[in-house]
Amino acid sequence: MFFERGQKCEPHPDFFDDKFNQERGGNRMATVIMYLSNITRGGETVFPLSEVSS
């Protein structure tokens, strides 16, 4: 994914809950996020439903 300044990806679930995808293998076992840049500001990843505090 690539975002210009001010763009963002809206919060979304990373799983399938519909019959079509469940019948074709279901949900992922893991999600991997790799950051391929060295920016010092912006670019945060947030998990709004996580109960873990930083």
Protein backbone atom coordinates (compact mmCIF):
# COMPACT_ATOMS: atom_id res chain seq x y z
CA MET A 1 0.00 0.00 0.00
CA PHE A 2 1.15 3.53 -0.65
CA PHE A 3 -0.41 6.65 0.78
CA GLU A 4 0.16 10.28 -0.08
CA ARG A 5 0.35 12.85 2.70
CA GLY A 6 -3.01 13.05 4.48
CA GLN A 7 -4.31 9.74 3.12
CA LYS A 8 -5.19 6.81 5.36
CA CYS A 9 -6.69 3.36 5.42
CA GLU A 10 -9.90 3.24 7.43
CA PRO A 11 -10.07 0.73 10.31
CA HIS A 12 -11.22 -2.66 9.06
CA PRO A 13 -11.29 -6.27 10.28
CA ASP A 14 -8.63 -8.59 8.94
CA PHE A 15 -10.83 -11.67 8.84
CA PHE A 16 -13.63 -13.19 6.81
CA ASP A 17 -17.08 -13.72 8.23
CA ASP A 18 -18.96 -14.54 5.04
CA LYS A 19 -19.89 -18.02 3.80
CA PHE A 20 -18.12 -17.57 0.43
CA ASN A 21 -14.66 -17.11 1.98
CA GLN A 22 -15.23 -19.56 4.83
CA GLU A 23 -15.87 -22.32 2.27
CA ARG A 24 -12.60 -21.49 0.50
CA GLY A 25 -10.24 -21.89 3.42
CA GLY A 26 -11.52 -19.49 6.03
CA ASN A 27 -9.49 -16.97 7.95
CA ARG A 28 -5.79 -16.26 8.02
CA MET A 29 -3.62 -17.77 10.70
CA ALA A 30 -1.57 -14.58 10.92
CA THR A 31 -1.18 -11.13 9.44
CA VAL A 32 2.34 -9.82 8.80
CA ILE A 33 3.13 -6.13 8.53
CA MET A 34 6.48 -5.01 7.08
CA TYR A 35 7.58 -1.40 6.94
CA LEU A 36 9.88 -0.79 3.98
CA SER A 37 10.82 2.81 4.69
CA ASN A 38 12.65 4.81 7.30
CA ILE A 39 10.30 7.75 7.77
CA THR A 40 10.50 9.48 11.14
CA ARG A 41 7.00 11.00 11.26
CA GLY A 42 3.60 9.57 10.39
CA GLY A 43 2.89 6.08 9.14
CA GLU A 44 1.56 4.74 12.42
CA THR A 45 -0.33 1.47 12.65
CA VAL A 46 -3.10 1.43 15.24
CA PHE A 47 -5.17 -1.47 16.52
CA PRO A 48 -8.22 0.38 17.92
CA LEU A 49 -9.87 -2.71 19.43
CA SER A 50 -6.74 -4.04 21.12
CA GLU A 51 -6.81 -4.19 24.90
CA VAL A 52 -3.01 -4.02 25.17
CA SER A 53 -1.61 -0.71 26.40
CA SER A 54 1.73 0.70 25.33
